[in-house]
Structure formats: C-alpha cells, structure tokens
Amino acid sequence: MAKTGRPGWIRLGPDDRLGDRPLMPITVGGHSLLLVQAGGRIVAAERACPHEGADLSLGRCVGGRLLCPRHRASFDLRDGSVSPGWSFRALRLFRIESASDGLWLAVEAGLTVRTP
C-alpha cells in the first residue's frame, strides 16, 4: 500500500479506494490511521481516540464530525478539535490529496514513516 513517489508524500492506492465507505482503517509505516470520507473530501486521522484509546474506525461520521464509539465525544474533521465539554487534546489529522495517480498522504510532523 504505502509507496513513495514524490518527496513528503506516501501513495495509499487508487483515488477511489474508499468507494462508498465513510471510514477505512489503514496502517502506514507502522501507524494505525483512519481514512474518513465526509462532505466530498477525505482526511486521515489517528485511529485511536486521544481520550481512552477507543478504535475510531468503530465510530461514525456525522456532519463533518467523527464520533467516538466509546464515549460519544466527537472531533471536527477540519482541525481535530474535540466537542465542548471534553478536556483532552485534539485528534491528530493528516492531509490527504486525491490526484490522477492515486490517493496521497502528506508525511508531516507527528507521522514518521520507516522505509525499508
């Protein structure tokens, strides 16, 4: 899955990889991430909830927010901020670009990818 083809980016596969699915768990460079398709765009997020480590791939996406299946807090998919009333860090988000040659993940601060 994870292939490099341009510096600073990892190719995740074809641009239609998610199909109709709103959520898809993936592993990139040993990191468990979640691809989220909402509002005509795709974002990547850390897969574990920053509160108690719940698997966010078991949650759902509503109105541009990713809902945690354990405690019902939600995260804004624009910036990762948690819903009011919760006092823990934001969800880490990573840029995704859909191009003619596939779906690409930006390698940014907080995401290191080991290459063989």
C-alpha atoms as a PDB file:
ATOM      1  CA  MET A   1       0.000   0.000   0.000  1.00  0.00           C
ATOM      2  CA  ALA A   2       2.366   2.748   1.157  1.00  0.00           C
ATOM      3  CA  LYS A   3       4.593   3.704  -1.742  1.00  0.00           C
ATOM      4  CA  THR A   4       6.682   6.788  -2.187  1.00  0.00           C
ATOM      5  CA  GLY A   5       6.696   8.604  -5.489  1.00  0.00           C
ATOM      6  CA  ARG A   6       7.166  12.201  -4.511  1.00  0.00           C
ATOM      7  CA  PRO A   7       9.063  13.618  -1.551  1.00  0.00           C
ATOM      8  CA  GLY A   8       6.978  14.184   1.565  1.00  0.00           C
ATOM      9  CA  TRP A   9       4.071  12.046   0.381  1.00  0.00           C
ATOM     10  CA  ILE A  10       3.019   8.381   0.598  1.00  0.00           C
ATOM     11  CA  ARG A  11       0.754   6.868  -2.048  1.00  0.00           C
ATOM     12  CA  LEU A  12      -2.113   4.965  -0.412  1.00  0.00           C
ATOM     13  CA  GLY A  13      -3.647   3.465  -3.535  1.00  0.00           C
ATOM     14  CA  PRO A  14      -6.221   4.469  -6.137  1.00  0.00           C
ATOM     15  CA  ASP A  15      -8.184   7.665  -5.544  1.00  0.00           C
ATOM     16  CA  ASP A  16     -11.423   5.664  -5.269  1.00  0.00           C
ATOM     17  CA  ARG A  17     -10.013   3.370  -2.574  1.00  0.00           C
ATOM     18  CA  LEU A  18     -12.774   4.130  -0.056  1.00  0.00           C
ATOM     19  CA  GLY A  19     -15.619   3.622  -2.534  1.00  0.00           C
ATOM     20  CA  ASP A  20     -18.855   4.325  -0.638  1.00  0.00           C
ATOM     21  CA  ARG A  21     -17.349   3.662   2.786  1.00  0.00           C
ATOM     22  CA  PRO A  22     -17.140   6.668   5.096  1.00  0.00           C
ATOM     23  CA  LEU A  23     -14.377   5.093   7.253  1.00  0.00           C
ATOM     24  CA  MET A  24     -11.428   2.851   6.406  1.00  0.00           C
ATOM     25  CA  PRO A  25      -8.682   1.796   8.819  1.00  0.00           C
ATOM     26  CA  ILE A  26      -5.183   1.674   7.325  1.00  0.00           C
ATOM     27  CA  THR A  27      -1.639   1.147   8.555  1.00  0.00           C
ATOM     28  CA  VAL A  28       1.134   3.338   7.188  1.00  0.00           C
ATOM     29  CA  GLY A  29       4.711   2.971   8.348  1.00  0.00           C
ATOM     30  CA  GLY A  30       3.583   1.180  11.494  1.00  0.00           C
ATOM     31  CA  HIS A  31       0.996   3.865  12.344  1.00  0.00           C
ATOM     32  CA  SER A  32      -2.694   2.969  12.666  1.00  0.00           C
ATOM     33  CA  LEU A  33      -4.671   5.635  10.848  1.00  0.00           C
ATOM     34  CA  LEU A  34      -8.237   6.095   9.730  1.00  0.00           C
ATOM     35  CA  LEU A  35      -9.302   7.446   6.350  1.00  0.00           C
ATOM     36  CA  VAL A  36     -12.522   9.431   6.704  1.00  0.00           C
ATOM     37  CA  GLN A  37     -14.681  10.431   3.753  1.00  0.00           C
ATOM     38  CA  ALA A  38     -17.072  13.254   4.584  1.00  0.00           C
ATOM     39  CA  GLY A  39     -18.543  16.195   2.737  1.00  0.00           C
ATOM     40  CA  GLY A  40     -16.827  15.339  -0.531  1.00  0.00           C
ATOM     41  CA  ARG A  41     -13.329  15.229   0.936  1.00  0.00           C
ATOM     42  CA  ILE A  42     -11.032  12.667   2.513  1.00  0.00           C
ATOM     43  CA  VAL A  43      -8.909  13.202   5.606  1.00  0.00           C
ATOM     44  CA  ALA A  44      -6.656  10.889   7.573  1.00  0.00           C
ATOM     45  CA  ALA A  45      -6.792  10.775  11.368  1.00  0.00           C
ATOM     46  CA  GLU A  46      -5.103   8.842  14.098  1.00  0.00           C
ATOM     47  CA  ARG A  47      -7.180   5.714  14.664  1.00  0.00           C
ATOM     48  CA  ALA A  48      -7.131   5.699  18.488  1.00  0.00           C
ATOM     49  CA  CYS A  49      -9.233   8.235  20.371  1.00  0.00           C
ATOM     50  CA  PRO A  50      -6.947  10.542  22.365  1.00  0.00           C
ATOM     51  CA  HIS A  51      -9.202  10.157  25.422  1.00  0.00           C
ATOM     52  CA  GLU A  52      -9.189   6.402  26.146  1.00  0.00           C
ATOM     53  CA  GLY A  53      -7.714   4.861  23.006  1.00  0.00           C
ATOM     54  CA  ALA A  54     -11.030   3.632  21.571  1.00  0.00           C
ATOM     55  CA  ASP A  55     -10.900   2.405  17.969  1.00  0.00           C
ATOM     56  CA  LEU A  56     -12.408   5.278  15.981  1.00  0.00           C
ATOM     57  CA  SER A  57     -12.968   3.013  12.974  1.00  0.00           C
ATOM     58  CA  LEU A  58     -15.908   1.621  15.004  1.00  0.00           C
ATOM     59  CA  GLY A  59     -17.416   5.107  15.251  1.00  0.00           C
ATOM     60  CA  ARG A  60     -19.272   7.051  12.621  1.00  0.00           C
ATOM     61  CA  CYS A  61     -19.085  10.337  10.810  1.00  0.00           C
ATOM     62  CA  VAL A  62     -21.950  12.850  11.010  1.00  0.00           C
ATOM     63  CA  GLY A  63     -21.977  16.443   9.835  1.00  0.00           C
ATOM     64  CA  GLY A  64     -18.222  16.681   9.376  1.00  0.00           C
ATOM     65  CA  ARG A  65     -17.525  15.227  12.839  1.00  0.00           C
ATOM     66  CA  LEU A  66     -16.061  11.849  13.761  1.00  0.00           C
ATOM     67  CA  LEU A  67     -17.874  10.294  16.720  1.00  0.00           C
ATOM     68  CA  CYS A  68     -16.041   8.112  19.222  1.00  0.00           C
ATOM     69  CA  PRO A  69     -17.863   4.791  19.765  1.00  0.00           C
ATOM     70  CA  ARG A  70     -16.909   4.637  23.446  1.00  0.00           C
ATOM     71  CA  HIS A  71     -17.784   7.977  24.993  1.00  0.00           C
ATOM     72  CA  ARG A  72     -19.648   9.844  22.239  1.00  0.00           C
ATOM     73  CA  ALA A  73     -17.287  12.785  22.083  1.00  0.00           C
ATOM     74  CA  SER A  74     -16.816  13.996  18.533  1.00  0.00           C
ATOM     75  CA  PHE A  75     -13.964  15.524  16.590  1.00  0.00           C
ATOM     76  CA  ASP A  76     -14.161  18.247  13.960  1.00  0.00           C
ATOM     77  CA  LEU A  77     -12.627  16.905  10.750  1.00  0.00           C
ATOM     78  CA  ARG A  78     -11.348  20.353   9.778  1.00  0.00           C
ATOM     79  CA  ASP A  79      -8.975  20.757  12.730  1.00  0.00           C
ATOM     80  CA  GLY A  80      -9.413  17.746  15.047  1.00  0.00           C
ATOM     81  CA  SER A  81     -10.925  19.783  17.892  1.00  0.00           C
ATOM     82  CA  VAL A  82     -12.994  17.839  20.408  1.00  0.00           C
ATOM     83  CA  SER A  83     -16.638  18.631  21.134  1.00  0.00           C
ATOM     84  CA  PRO A  84     -17.468  21.023  24.007  1.00  0.00           C
ATOM     85  CA  GLY A  85     -17.428  19.511  27.489  1.00  0.00           C
ATOM     86  CA  TRP A  86     -14.350  17.341  26.955  1.00  0.00           C
ATOM     87  CA  SER A  87     -10.892  18.347  28.129  1.00  0.00           C
ATOM     88  CA  PHE A  88      -8.331  16.349  26.211  1.00  0.00           C
ATOM     89  CA  ARG A  89      -6.172  17.054  23.190  1.00  0.00           C
ATOM     90  CA  ALA A  90      -7.460  17.333  19.652  1.00  0.00           C
ATOM     91  CA  LEU A  91      -7.446  14.390  17.266  1.00  0.00           C
ATOM     92  CA  ARG A  92      -4.367  14.394  15.028  1.00  0.00           C
ATOM     93  CA  LEU A  93      -5.267  14.863  11.371  1.00  0.00           C
ATOM     94  CA  PHE A  94      -3.084  14.366   8.316  1.00  0.00           C
ATOM     95  CA  ARG A  95      -3.509  15.858   4.844  1.00  0.00           C
ATOM     96  CA  ILE A  96      -4.753  13.693   2.014  1.00  0.00           C
ATOM     97  CA  GLU A  97      -4.551  14.630  -1.633  1.00  0.00           C
ATOM     98  CA  SER A  98      -6.548  12.913  -4.349  1.00  0.00           C
ATOM     99  CA  ALA A  99      -4.703  13.060  -7.662  1.00  0.00           C
ATOM    100  CA  SER A 100      -4.948  11.348 -11.042  1.00  0.00           C
ATOM    101  CA  ASP A 101      -2.246   8.892  -9.940  1.00  0.00           C
ATOM    102  CA  GLY A 102      -3.925   7.993  -6.627  1.00  0.00           C
ATOM    103  CA  LEU A 103      -4.601   8.947  -3.048  1.00  0.00           C
ATOM    104  CA  TRP A 104      -1.617  10.527  -1.256  1.00  0.00           C
ATOM    105  CA  LEU A 105      -0.886  11.063   2.443  1.00  0.00           C
ATOM    106  CA  ALA A 106       1.309  14.002   3.462  1.00  0.00           C
ATOM    107  CA  VAL A 107       4.148  12.995   5.763  1.00  0.00           C
ATOM    108  CA  GLU A 108       4.072  15.755   8.368  1.00  0.00           C
ATOM    109  CA  ALA A 109       5.176  16.372  11.933  1.00  0.00           C
ATOM    110  CA  GLY A 110       3.968  13.560  14.167  1.00  0.00           C
ATOM    111  CA  LEU A 111       3.996  10.970  11.392  1.00  0.00           C
ATOM    112  CA  THR A 112       7.274   9.269  10.675  1.00  0.00           C
ATOM    113  CA  VAL A 113       7.444   6.582   8.054  1.00  0.00           C
ATOM    114  CA  ARG A 114      10.128   3.956   8.077  1.00  0.00           C
ATOM    115  CA  THR A 115      11.316   2.879   4.663  1.00  0.00           C
ATOM    116  CA  PRO A 116      12.999  -0.473   4.056  1.00  0.00           C
END
